[in-house]
Amino acid sequence: MYKKIQETALFLKGKMLTKPETAIILGSGLGRLTEEIDIEQEISYTEIPNFPVSTVEGHSGKLIFGKLGGHDIMAMQGRFHYYEGYSMKEVTFPVRVMYELGIKNLFVSNAAGGMNPAFSIGDLMIICDHINALPDNPLRGKNIPTGPRFPSMHEAYDKAFIATVENIAEKNGIKVQKGVYLATQGPTYETPAEYRMFRAWGADAVGMSTVPEVIVAVHCGMRVFGMSIITDLGGFGEAVKVTHEEVTAAANAAQPKMTLLMRELINSMN
């Protein structure tokens, strides 16, 4: 696996016109963040050796290089999920490649179901911690020499980044929530009983991504910031049927606020 990671990184180094230190992984319905990027280069996943290809509607499948907030950035437009049939190592392969390309900061976003009664559809939730409810861990197996065998997850999400975004939100009159994100296998949305169970565990929002990528990023020593758009609610009151189209629509509606926060966070970096 490590040989493939290095092979892919070498291919991209030969193509890249910039040297970004920050990467963004865009989730369901959040791909339009790229409209804020001054794009200098796009590379389709299908052109990249060893790269998986996203099969999910709304995930277009390309690496984007350009400027956001005055800084060189790299963006994944389309991520990979365990429920698509990929292994955890395939899901997190791009993060491993990012490390080899010199990425030091990883920003992750997703659409999530809210389980906190204080949340509303369209809220932005800063991820301050996570629960891995997936059936596997991306670090299982031989340790890749980018981090320790047993990495600490005591601060998976960078506290300084969180404080900066809270300040940016306050200055711009943007309401933000903070909470714990729980990742499940998917692809089914949660039952009412599952919502209640996850809430009892201490989770505020649930989705089908992000946690494997964050685990690998932390293993590589990257600083991580994560944000969820609350696209549906469950676990209290009457159960509501959820569709992928509704999730995407809610994510698109909240996207301009998340875009501003991401852009200004990058702009605040030295």
C-alpha atoms as a PDB file:
ATOM      1  CA  MET A   1       0.000   0.000   0.000  1.00  0.00           C
ATOM      2  CA  TYR A   2       2.749   2.478   0.938  1.00  0.00           C
ATOM      3  CA  LYS A   3       4.459   1.874  -2.404  1.00  0.00           C
ATOM      4  CA  LYS A   4       1.202   2.737  -4.209  1.00  0.00           C
ATOM      5  CA  ILE A   5       0.824   5.893  -2.106  1.00  0.00           C
ATOM      6  CA  GLN A   6       4.311   7.033  -3.075  1.00  0.00           C
ATOM      7  CA  GLU A   7       3.692   6.140  -6.726  1.00  0.00           C
ATOM      8  CA  THR A   8       0.520   8.248  -6.807  1.00  0.00           C
ATOM      9  CA  ALA A   9       2.197  11.152  -5.023  1.00  0.00           C
ATOM     10  CA  LEU A  10       5.081  11.072  -7.489  1.00  0.00           C
ATOM     11  CA  PHE A  11       2.616  11.196 -10.399  1.00  0.00           C
ATOM     12  CA  LEU A  12       0.819  14.211  -8.919  1.00  0.00           C
ATOM     13  CA  LYS A  13       4.054  16.032  -8.101  1.00  0.00           C
ATOM     14  CA  GLY A  14       4.886  15.814 -11.781  1.00  0.00           C
ATOM     15  CA  LYS A  15       1.539  17.438 -12.645  1.00  0.00           C
ATOM     16  CA  MET A  16       1.045  20.010  -9.880  1.00  0.00           C
ATOM     17  CA  LEU A  17       1.636  23.678 -10.616  1.00  0.00           C
ATOM     18  CA  THR A  18       1.324  24.783  -6.962  1.00  0.00           C
ATOM     19  CA  LYS A  19       2.565  23.644  -3.555  1.00  0.00           C
ATOM     20  CA  PRO A  20      -0.434  23.755  -1.213  1.00  0.00           C
ATOM     21  CA  GLU A  21      -0.167  23.041   2.509  1.00  0.00           C
ATOM     22  CA  THR A  22      -3.940  22.968   3.059  1.00  0.00           C
ATOM     23  CA  ALA A  23      -6.447  20.493   1.631  1.00  0.00           C
ATOM     24  CA  ILE A  24     -10.251  20.449   1.775  1.00  0.00           C
ATOM     25  CA  ILE A  25     -12.450  17.366   1.394  1.00  0.00           C
ATOM     26  CA  LEU A  26     -15.882  18.356   0.133  1.00  0.00           C
ATOM     27  CA  GLY A  27     -18.889  16.277   1.142  1.00  0.00           C
ATOM     28  CA  SER A  28     -22.415  15.659  -0.163  1.00  0.00           C
ATOM     29  CA  GLY A  29     -23.894  18.788  -1.698  1.00  0.00           C
ATOM     30  CA  LEU A  30     -20.846  20.868  -0.742  1.00  0.00           C
ATOM     31  CA  GLY A  31     -18.982  20.657  -4.033  1.00  0.00           C
ATOM     32  CA  ARG A  32     -19.960  24.189  -5.021  1.00  0.00           C
ATOM     33  CA  LEU A  33     -17.371  25.503  -2.590  1.00  0.00           C
ATOM     34  CA  THR A  34     -15.101  25.250  -5.598  1.00  0.00           C
ATOM     35  CA  GLU A  35     -16.877  28.305  -7.034  1.00  0.00           C
ATOM     36  CA  GLU A  36     -14.966  30.308  -4.415  1.00  0.00           C
ATOM     37  CA  ILE A  37     -11.630  28.852  -5.494  1.00  0.00           C
ATOM     38  CA  ASP A  38      -9.502  30.580  -8.109  1.00  0.00           C
ATOM     39  CA  ILE A  39      -8.873  27.325  -9.941  1.00  0.00           C
ATOM     40  CA  GLU A  40      -5.498  26.861 -11.570  1.00  0.00           C
ATOM     41  CA  GLN A  41      -5.661  23.135 -12.281  1.00  0.00           C
ATOM     42  CA  GLU A  42      -8.062  20.179 -12.202  1.00  0.00           C
ATOM     43  CA  ILE A  43      -7.127  16.496 -12.339  1.00  0.00           C
ATOM     44  CA  SER A  44      -9.828  13.834 -12.689  1.00  0.00           C
ATOM     45  CA  TYR A  45      -9.613  10.855 -10.363  1.00  0.00           C
ATOM     46  CA  THR A  46      -9.726   8.612 -13.426  1.00  0.00           C
ATOM     47  CA  GLU A  47      -6.362  10.044 -14.542  1.00  0.00           C
ATOM     48  CA  ILE A  48      -4.617   9.355 -11.233  1.00  0.00           C
ATOM     49  CA  PRO A  49      -2.930   5.964 -10.788  1.00  0.00           C
ATOM     50  CA  ASN A  50      -4.235   3.844  -7.878  1.00  0.00           C
ATOM     51  CA  PHE A  51      -6.986   6.380  -7.072  1.00  0.00           C
ATOM     52  CA  PRO A  52     -10.519   5.111  -6.360  1.00  0.00           C
ATOM     53  CA  VAL A  53     -13.436   6.675  -8.262  1.00  0.00           C
ATOM     54  CA  SER A  54     -16.468   8.075  -6.439  1.00  0.00           C
ATOM     55  CA  THR A  55     -19.787   6.409  -7.292  1.00  0.00           C
ATOM     56  CA  VAL A  56     -22.067   8.772  -5.336  1.00  0.00           C
ATOM     57  CA  GLU A  57     -24.389  11.285  -6.995  1.00  0.00           C
ATOM     58  CA  GLY A  58     -23.159  14.812  -6.243  1.00  0.00           C
ATOM     59  CA  HIS A  59     -19.506  13.757  -5.920  1.00  0.00           C
ATOM     60  CA  SER A  60     -17.901  14.732  -9.214  1.00  0.00           C
ATOM     61  CA  GLY A  61     -14.510  13.113  -8.677  1.00  0.00           C
ATOM     62  CA  LYS A  62     -11.558  15.420  -9.243  1.00  0.00           C
ATOM     63  CA  LEU A  63      -8.665  17.107  -7.486  1.00  0.00           C
ATOM     64  CA  ILE A  64      -8.691  20.883  -7.702  1.00  0.00           C
ATOM     65  CA  PHE A  65      -5.686  23.124  -7.191  1.00  0.00           C
ATOM     66  CA  GLY A  66      -5.967  26.891  -6.821  1.00  0.00           C
ATOM     67  CA  LYS A  67      -6.272  29.735  -4.335  1.00  0.00           C
ATOM     68  CA  LEU A  68      -8.791  30.305  -1.572  1.00  0.00           C
ATOM     69  CA  GLY A  69      -8.417  33.030   1.027  1.00  0.00           C
ATOM     70  CA  GLY A  70      -5.152  34.071  -0.616  1.00  0.00           C
ATOM     71  CA  HIS A  71      -3.507  30.688  -0.053  1.00  0.00           C
ATOM     72  CA  ASP A  72      -2.708  27.754  -2.314  1.00  0.00           C
ATOM     73  CA  ILE A  73      -5.131  24.938  -1.569  1.00  0.00           C
ATOM     74  CA  MET A  74      -5.971  21.463  -2.788  1.00  0.00           C
ATOM     75  CA  ALA A  75      -9.588  20.282  -2.819  1.00  0.00           C
ATOM     76  CA  MET A  76     -11.130  16.856  -3.237  1.00  0.00           C
ATOM     77  CA  GLN A  77     -14.417  17.275  -5.076  1.00  0.00           C
ATOM     78  CA  GLY A  78     -15.893  13.892  -4.251  1.00  0.00           C
ATOM     79  CA  ARG A  79     -14.790  11.565  -1.456  1.00  0.00           C
ATOM     80  CA  PHE A  80     -14.917   7.784  -1.025  1.00  0.00           C
ATOM     81  CA  HIS A  81     -17.096   5.868   1.400  1.00  0.00           C
ATOM     82  CA  TYR A  82     -16.935   2.479   3.076  1.00  0.00           C
ATOM     83  CA  TYR A  83     -20.514   1.744   1.940  1.00  0.00           C
ATOM     84  CA  GLU A  84     -19.431   1.976  -1.706  1.00  0.00           C
ATOM     85  CA  GLY A  85     -17.499  -1.242  -1.186  1.00  0.00           C
ATOM     86  CA  TYR A  86     -14.076   0.296  -0.671  1.00  0.00           C
ATOM     87  CA  SER A  87     -11.800  -0.851   2.121  1.00  0.00           C
ATOM     88  CA  MET A  88     -10.841   1.646   4.805  1.00  0.00           C
ATOM     89  CA  LYS A  89      -7.390   1.912   3.283  1.00  0.00           C
ATOM     90  CA  GLU A  90      -8.932   2.835  -0.077  1.00  0.00           C
ATOM     91  CA  VAL A  91     -11.270   5.356   1.571  1.00  0.00           C
ATOM     92  CA  THR A  92      -8.311   7.102   3.211  1.00  0.00           C
ATOM     93  CA  PHE A  93      -5.822   6.620   0.370  1.00  0.00           C
ATOM     94  CA  PRO A  94      -6.143  10.274  -0.770  1.00  0.00           C
ATOM     95  CA  VAL A  95      -5.245  11.548   2.707  1.00  0.00           C
ATOM     96  CA  ARG A  96      -2.093   9.431   2.659  1.00  0.00           C
ATOM     97  CA  VAL A  97      -1.230  10.914  -0.729  1.00  0.00           C
ATOM     98  CA  MET A  98      -1.893  14.429   0.586  1.00  0.00           C
ATOM     99  CA  TYR A  99       0.687  13.882   3.307  1.00  0.00           C
ATOM    100  CA  GLU A 100       3.281  12.837   0.730  1.00  0.00           C
ATOM    101  CA  LEU A 101       2.462  16.018  -1.231  1.00  0.00           C
ATOM    102  CA  GLY A 102       3.243  18.204   1.780  1.00  0.00           C
ATOM    103  CA  ILE A 103      -0.270  18.873   3.107  1.00  0.00           C
ATOM    104  CA  LYS A 104      -0.148  20.014   6.746  1.00  0.00           C
ATOM    105  CA  ASN A 105      -3.755  21.104   7.309  1.00  0.00           C
ATOM    106  CA  LEU A 106      -6.881  19.127   6.421  1.00  0.00           C
ATOM    107  CA  PHE A 107     -10.368  20.642   6.420  1.00  0.00           C
ATOM    108  CA  VAL A 108     -13.252  18.187   6.148  1.00  0.00           C
ATOM    109  CA  SER A 109     -16.930  18.842   5.574  1.00  0.00           C
ATOM    110  CA  ASN A 110     -20.029  16.701   5.392  1.00  0.00           C
ATOM    111  CA  ALA A 111     -23.798  16.594   5.496  1.00  0.00           C
ATOM    112  CA  ALA A 112     -25.079  15.068   8.737  1.00  0.00           C
ATOM    113  CA  GLY A 113     -28.251  14.162  10.576  1.00  0.00           C
ATOM    114  CA  GLY A 114     -28.737  16.183  13.747  1.00  0.00           C
ATOM    115  CA  MET A 115     -29.673  14.448  17.022  1.00  0.00           C
ATOM    116  CA  ASN A 116     -29.271  17.384  19.389  1.00  0.00           C
ATOM    117  CA  PRO A 117     -32.662  18.969  20.179  1.00  0.00           C
ATOM    118  CA  ALA A 118     -31.017  22.413  20.027  1.00  0.00           C
ATOM    119  CA  PHE A 119     -30.160  21.913  16.336  1.00  0.00           C
ATOM    120  CA  SER A 120     -32.168  23.047  13.322  1.00  0.00           C
ATOM    121  CA  ILE A 121     -31.975  21.988   9.683  1.00  0.00           C
ATOM    122  CA  GLY A 122     -29.355  24.133   7.966  1.00  0.00           C
ATOM    123  CA  ASP A 123     -27.239  24.674  11.093  1.00  0.00           C
ATOM    124  CA  LEU A 124     -23.462  24.539  10.808  1.00  0.00           C
ATOM    125  CA  MET A 125     -21.827  22.308  13.404  1.00  0.00           C
ATOM    126  CA  ILE A 126     -18.143  22.596  14.199  1.00  0.00           C
ATOM    127  CA  ILE A 127     -16.906  19.069  14.917  1.00  0.00           C
ATOM    128  CA  CYS A 128     -15.083  19.068  18.253  1.00  0.00           C
ATOM    129  CA  ASP A 129     -14.806  15.282  18.626  1.00  0.00           C
ATOM    130  CA  HIS A 130     -15.997  12.086  16.977  1.00  0.00           C
ATOM    131  CA  ILE A 131     -17.187   8.535  17.610  1.00  0.00           C
ATOM    132  CA  ASN A 132     -16.101   5.791  15.228  1.00  0.00           C
ATOM    133  CA  ALA A 133     -19.075   3.422  14.864  1.00  0.00           C
ATOM    134  CA  LEU A 134     -17.721   1.946  11.633  1.00  0.00           C
ATOM    135  CA  PRO A 135     -16.873  -1.785  11.555  1.00  0.00           C
ATOM    136  CA  ASP A 136     -13.192  -1.151  10.815  1.00  0.00           C
ATOM    137  CA  ASN A 137     -10.354   1.281  11.502  1.00  0.00           C
ATOM    138  CA  PRO A 138      -8.160   2.637   8.681  1.00  0.00           C
ATOM    139  CA  LEU A 139      -5.033   2.016  10.773  1.00  0.00           C
ATOM    140  CA  ARG A 140      -5.675  -1.715  11.143  1.00  0.00           C
ATOM    141  CA  GLY A 141      -2.851  -3.775   9.681  1.00  0.00           C
ATOM    142  CA  LYS A 142       0.818  -3.000   9.234  1.00  0.00           C
ATOM    143  CA  ASN A 143       1.675   0.485  10.491  1.00  0.00           C
ATOM    144  CA  ILE A 144       2.501   2.919   7.697  1.00  0.00           C
ATOM    145  CA  PRO A 145       5.618   4.904   8.712  1.00  0.00           C
ATOM    146  CA  THR A 146       3.964   8.324   8.828  1.00  0.00           C
ATOM    147  CA  GLY A 147       2.951   8.070  12.468  1.00  0.00           C
ATOM    148  CA  PRO A 148       2.986   5.922  15.613  1.00  0.00           C
ATOM    149  CA  ARG A 149       1.426   2.488  15.944  1.00  0.00           C
ATOM    150  CA  PHE A 150      -0.995   3.827  18.577  1.00  0.00           C
ATOM    151  CA  PRO A 151      -1.761   7.488  17.769  1.00  0.00           C
ATOM    152  CA  SER A 152      -3.573   9.577  20.353  1.00  0.00           C
ATOM    153  CA  MET A 153      -6.983  10.951  19.396  1.00  0.00           C
ATOM    154  CA  HIS A 154      -7.328  13.238  22.424  1.00  0.00           C
ATOM    155  CA  GLU A 155      -7.411  16.314  20.161  1.00  0.00           C
ATOM    156  CA  ALA A 156      -8.265  15.064  16.689  1.00  0.00           C
ATOM    157  CA  TYR A 157      -9.812  18.441  15.821  1.00  0.00           C
ATOM    158  CA  ASP A 158      -7.466  21.387  16.287  1.00  0.00           C
ATOM    159  CA  LYS A 159      -8.633  23.671  19.111  1.00  0.00           C
ATOM    160  CA  ALA A 160      -6.963  26.744  17.647  1.00  0.00           C
ATOM    161  CA  PHE A 161      -8.800  26.252  14.343  1.00  0.00           C
ATOM    162  CA  ILE A 162     -12.076  25.831  16.229  1.00  0.00           C
ATOM    163  CA  ALA A 163     -11.541  29.052  18.205  1.00  0.00           C
ATOM    164  CA  THR A 164     -10.654  30.951  15.029  1.00  0.00           C
ATOM    165  CA  VAL A 165     -13.811  29.813  13.239  1.00  0.00           C
ATOM    166  CA  GLU A 166     -15.952  30.703  16.255  1.00  0.00           C
ATOM    167  CA  ASN A 167     -14.510  34.234  16.153  1.00  0.00           C
ATOM    168  CA  ILE A 168     -15.063  34.504  12.405  1.00  0.00           C
ATOM    169  CA  ALA A 169     -18.655  33.340  12.790  1.00  0.00           C
ATOM    170  CA  GLU A 170     -19.350  35.848  15.548  1.00  0.00           C
ATOM    171  CA  LYS A 171     -17.923  38.738  13.523  1.00  0.00           C
ATOM    172  CA  ASN A 172     -20.049  37.787  10.526  1.00  0.00           C
ATOM    173  CA  GLY A 173     -23.258  37.077  12.427  1.00  0.00           C
ATOM    174  CA  ILE A 174     -23.218  33.379  11.492  1.00  0.00           C
ATOM    175  CA  LYS A 175     -24.778  30.951  13.933  1.00  0.00           C
ATOM    176  CA  VAL A 176     -22.597  27.915  14.591  1.00  0.00           C
ATOM    177  CA  GLN A 177     -23.092  24.894  16.785  1.00  0.00           C
ATOM    178  CA  LYS A 178     -20.416  22.619  18.231  1.00  0.00           C
ATOM    179  CA  GLY A 179     -20.751  18.915  18.723  1.00  0.00           C
ATOM    180  CA  VAL A 180     -19.649  15.307  18.423  1.00  0.00           C
ATOM    181  CA  TYR A 181     -19.911  13.626  15.005  1.00  0.00           C
ATOM    182  CA  LEU A 182     -20.577   9.886  14.800  1.00  0.00           C
ATOM    183  CA  ALA A 183     -19.711   7.883  11.679  1.00  0.00           C
ATOM    184  CA  THR A 184     -21.703   4.819  10.641  1.00  0.00           C
ATOM    185  CA  GLN A 185     -21.231   2.309   7.852  1.00  0.00           C
ATOM    186  CA  GLY A 186     -24.286   3.349   5.779  1.00  0.00           C
ATOM    187  CA  PRO A 187     -25.699   3.471   3.177  1.00  0.00           C
ATOM    188  CA  THR A 188     -29.020   3.341   5.052  1.00  0.00           C
ATOM    189  CA  TYR A 189     -30.131   6.368   6.991  1.00  0.00           C
ATOM    190  CA  GLU A 190     -30.664   5.760  10.682  1.00  0.00           C
ATOM    191  CA  THR A 191     -33.739   4.220  12.256  1.00  0.00           C
ATOM    192  CA  PRO A 192     -35.456   6.195  15.039  1.00  0.00           C
ATOM    193  CA  ALA A 193     -34.044   3.713  17.568  1.00  0.00           C
ATOM    194  CA  GLU A 194     -30.523   4.148  16.193  1.00  0.00           C
ATOM    195  CA  TYR A 195     -30.856   7.919  16.443  1.00  0.00           C
ATOM    196  CA  ARG A 196     -31.835   7.582  20.094  1.00  0.00           C
ATOM    197  CA  MET A 197     -28.993   5.166  20.799  1.00  0.00           C
ATOM    198  CA  PHE A 198     -26.363   7.397  19.186  1.00  0.00           C
ATOM    199  CA  ARG A 199     -27.673  10.388  21.105  1.00  0.00           C
ATOM    200  CA  ALA A 200     -27.381   8.393  24.321  1.00  0.00           C
ATOM    201  CA  TRP A 201     -23.753   7.685  23.407  1.00  0.00           C
ATOM    202  CA  GLY A 202     -23.066  11.413  23.345  1.00  0.00           C
ATOM    203  CA  ALA A 203     -23.245  12.142  19.610  1.00  0.00           C
ATOM    204  CA  ASP A 204     -24.819  15.330  18.270  1.00  0.00           C
ATOM    205  CA  ALA A 205     -24.750  14.453  14.572  1.00  0.00           C
ATOM    206  CA  VAL A 206     -24.385  11.317  12.463  1.00  0.00           C
ATOM    207  CA  GLY A 207     -23.063  10.652   8.964  1.00  0.00           C
ATOM    208  CA  MET A 208     -21.283   8.104   6.793  1.00  0.00           C
ATOM    209  CA  SER A 209     -17.852   9.654   6.274  1.00  0.00           C
ATOM    210  CA  THR A 210     -15.135  11.936   7.670  1.00  0.00           C
ATOM    211  CA  VAL A 211     -13.941   9.919  10.692  1.00  0.00           C
ATOM    212  CA  PRO A 212     -11.652   7.534   8.731  1.00  0.00           C
ATOM    213  CA  GLU A 213     -10.070  10.498   6.926  1.00  0.00           C
ATOM    214  CA  VAL A 214      -9.524  12.342  10.207  1.00  0.00           C
ATOM    215  CA  ILE A 215      -7.971   9.288  11.877  1.00  0.00           C
ATOM    216  CA  VAL A 216      -5.422   8.972   9.070  1.00  0.00           C
ATOM    217  CA  ALA A 217      -4.762  12.727   9.014  1.00  0.00           C
ATOM    218  CA  VAL A 218      -4.021  12.677  12.743  1.00  0.00           C
ATOM    219  CA  HIS A 219      -1.787   9.633  12.245  1.00  0.00           C
ATOM    220  CA  CYS A 220       0.145  11.710   9.691  1.00  0.00           C
ATOM    221  CA  GLY A 221       0.463  14.669  12.082  1.00  0.00           C
ATOM    222  CA  MET A 222      -1.903  16.990  10.200  1.00  0.00           C
ATOM    223  CA  ARG A 223      -3.967  19.690  11.882  1.00  0.00           C
ATOM    224  CA  VAL A 224      -7.674  19.041  11.269  1.00  0.00           C
ATOM    225  CA  PHE A 225     -10.791  21.187  11.171  1.00  0.00           C
ATOM    226  CA  GLY A 226     -14.197  19.640  10.542  1.00  0.00           C
ATOM    227  CA  MET A 227     -17.664  21.024   9.924  1.00  0.00           C
ATOM    228  CA  SER A 228     -21.072  19.435   9.339  1.00  0.00           C
ATOM    229  CA  ILE A 229     -24.159  20.918   7.764  1.00  0.00           C
ATOM    230  CA  ILE A 230     -27.200  19.598   9.620  1.00  0.00           C
ATOM    231  CA  THR A 231     -29.439  18.463   6.783  1.00  0.00           C
ATOM    232  CA  ASP A 232     -32.062  16.469   8.707  1.00  0.00           C
ATOM    233  CA  LEU A 233     -33.123  15.771  12.281  1.00  0.00           C
ATOM    234  CA  GLY A 234     -33.851  12.565  14.179  1.00  0.00           C
ATOM    235  CA  GLY A 235     -33.975  10.967  17.596  1.00  0.00           C
ATOM    236  CA  PHE A 236     -36.701  13.142  19.061  1.00  0.00           C
ATOM    237  CA  GLY A 237     -40.317  13.754  18.178  1.00  0.00           C
ATOM    238  CA  GLU A 238     -41.922  12.085  15.179  1.00  0.00           C
ATOM    239  CA  ALA A 239     -39.598  10.218  12.797  1.00  0.00           C
ATOM    240  CA  VAL A 240     -39.141  11.932   9.432  1.00  0.00           C
ATOM    241  CA  LYS A 241     -38.276  10.121   6.210  1.00  0.00           C
ATOM    242  CA  VAL A 242     -34.985  11.353   4.696  1.00  0.00           C
ATOM    243  CA  THR A 243     -33.922  11.315   1.031  1.00  0.00           C
ATOM    244  CA  HIS A 244     -30.537  11.983  -0.546  1.00  0.00           C
ATOM    245  CA  GLU A 245     -32.087  14.778  -2.608  1.00  0.00           C
ATOM    246  CA  GLU A 246     -33.360  16.557   0.521  1.00  0.00           C
ATOM    247  CA  VAL A 247     -29.959  16.213   2.187  1.00  0.00           C
ATOM    248  CA  THR A 248     -28.255  17.726  -0.864  1.00  0.00           C
ATOM    249  CA  ALA A 249     -30.773  20.590  -1.054  1.00  0.00           C
ATOM    250  CA  ALA A 250     -30.286  21.486   2.622  1.00  0.00           C
ATOM    251  CA  ALA A 251     -26.507  21.348   2.228  1.00  0.00           C
ATOM    252  CA  ASN A 252     -26.620  23.630  -0.809  1.00  0.00           C
ATOM    253  CA  ALA A 253     -28.771  26.174   1.050  1.00  0.00           C
ATOM    254  CA  ALA A 254     -26.296  26.406   3.946  1.00  0.00           C
ATOM    255  CA  GLN A 255     -23.209  26.299   1.764  1.00  0.00           C
ATOM    256  CA  PRO A 256     -22.515  30.071   1.419  1.00  0.00           C
ATOM    257  CA  LYS A 257     -22.033  30.402   5.189  1.00  0.00           C
ATOM    258  CA  MET A 258     -19.691  27.427   5.347  1.00  0.00           C
ATOM    259  CA  THR A 259     -17.789  28.774   2.368  1.00  0.00           C
ATOM    260  CA  LEU A 260     -17.215  32.086   4.128  1.00  0.00           C
ATOM    261  CA  LEU A 261     -15.997  30.368   7.289  1.00  0.00           C
ATOM    262  CA  MET A 262     -13.621  28.072   5.400  1.00  0.00           C
ATOM    263  CA  ARG A 263     -12.284  30.921   3.287  1.00  0.00           C
ATOM    264  CA  GLU A 264     -11.665  33.197   6.256  1.00  0.00           C
ATOM    265  CA  LEU A 265     -10.060  30.381   8.270  1.00  0.00           C
ATOM    266  CA  ILE A 266      -7.588  29.841   5.451  1.00  0.00           C
ATOM    267  CA  ASN A 267      -7.074  33.587   5.123  1.00  0.00           C
ATOM    268  CA  SER A 268      -6.198  33.775   8.833  1.00  0.00           C
ATOM    269  CA  MET A 269      -3.357  31.296   8.492  1.00  0.00           C
ATOM    270  CA  ASN A 270       0.245  32.477   8.324  1.00  0.00           C
END
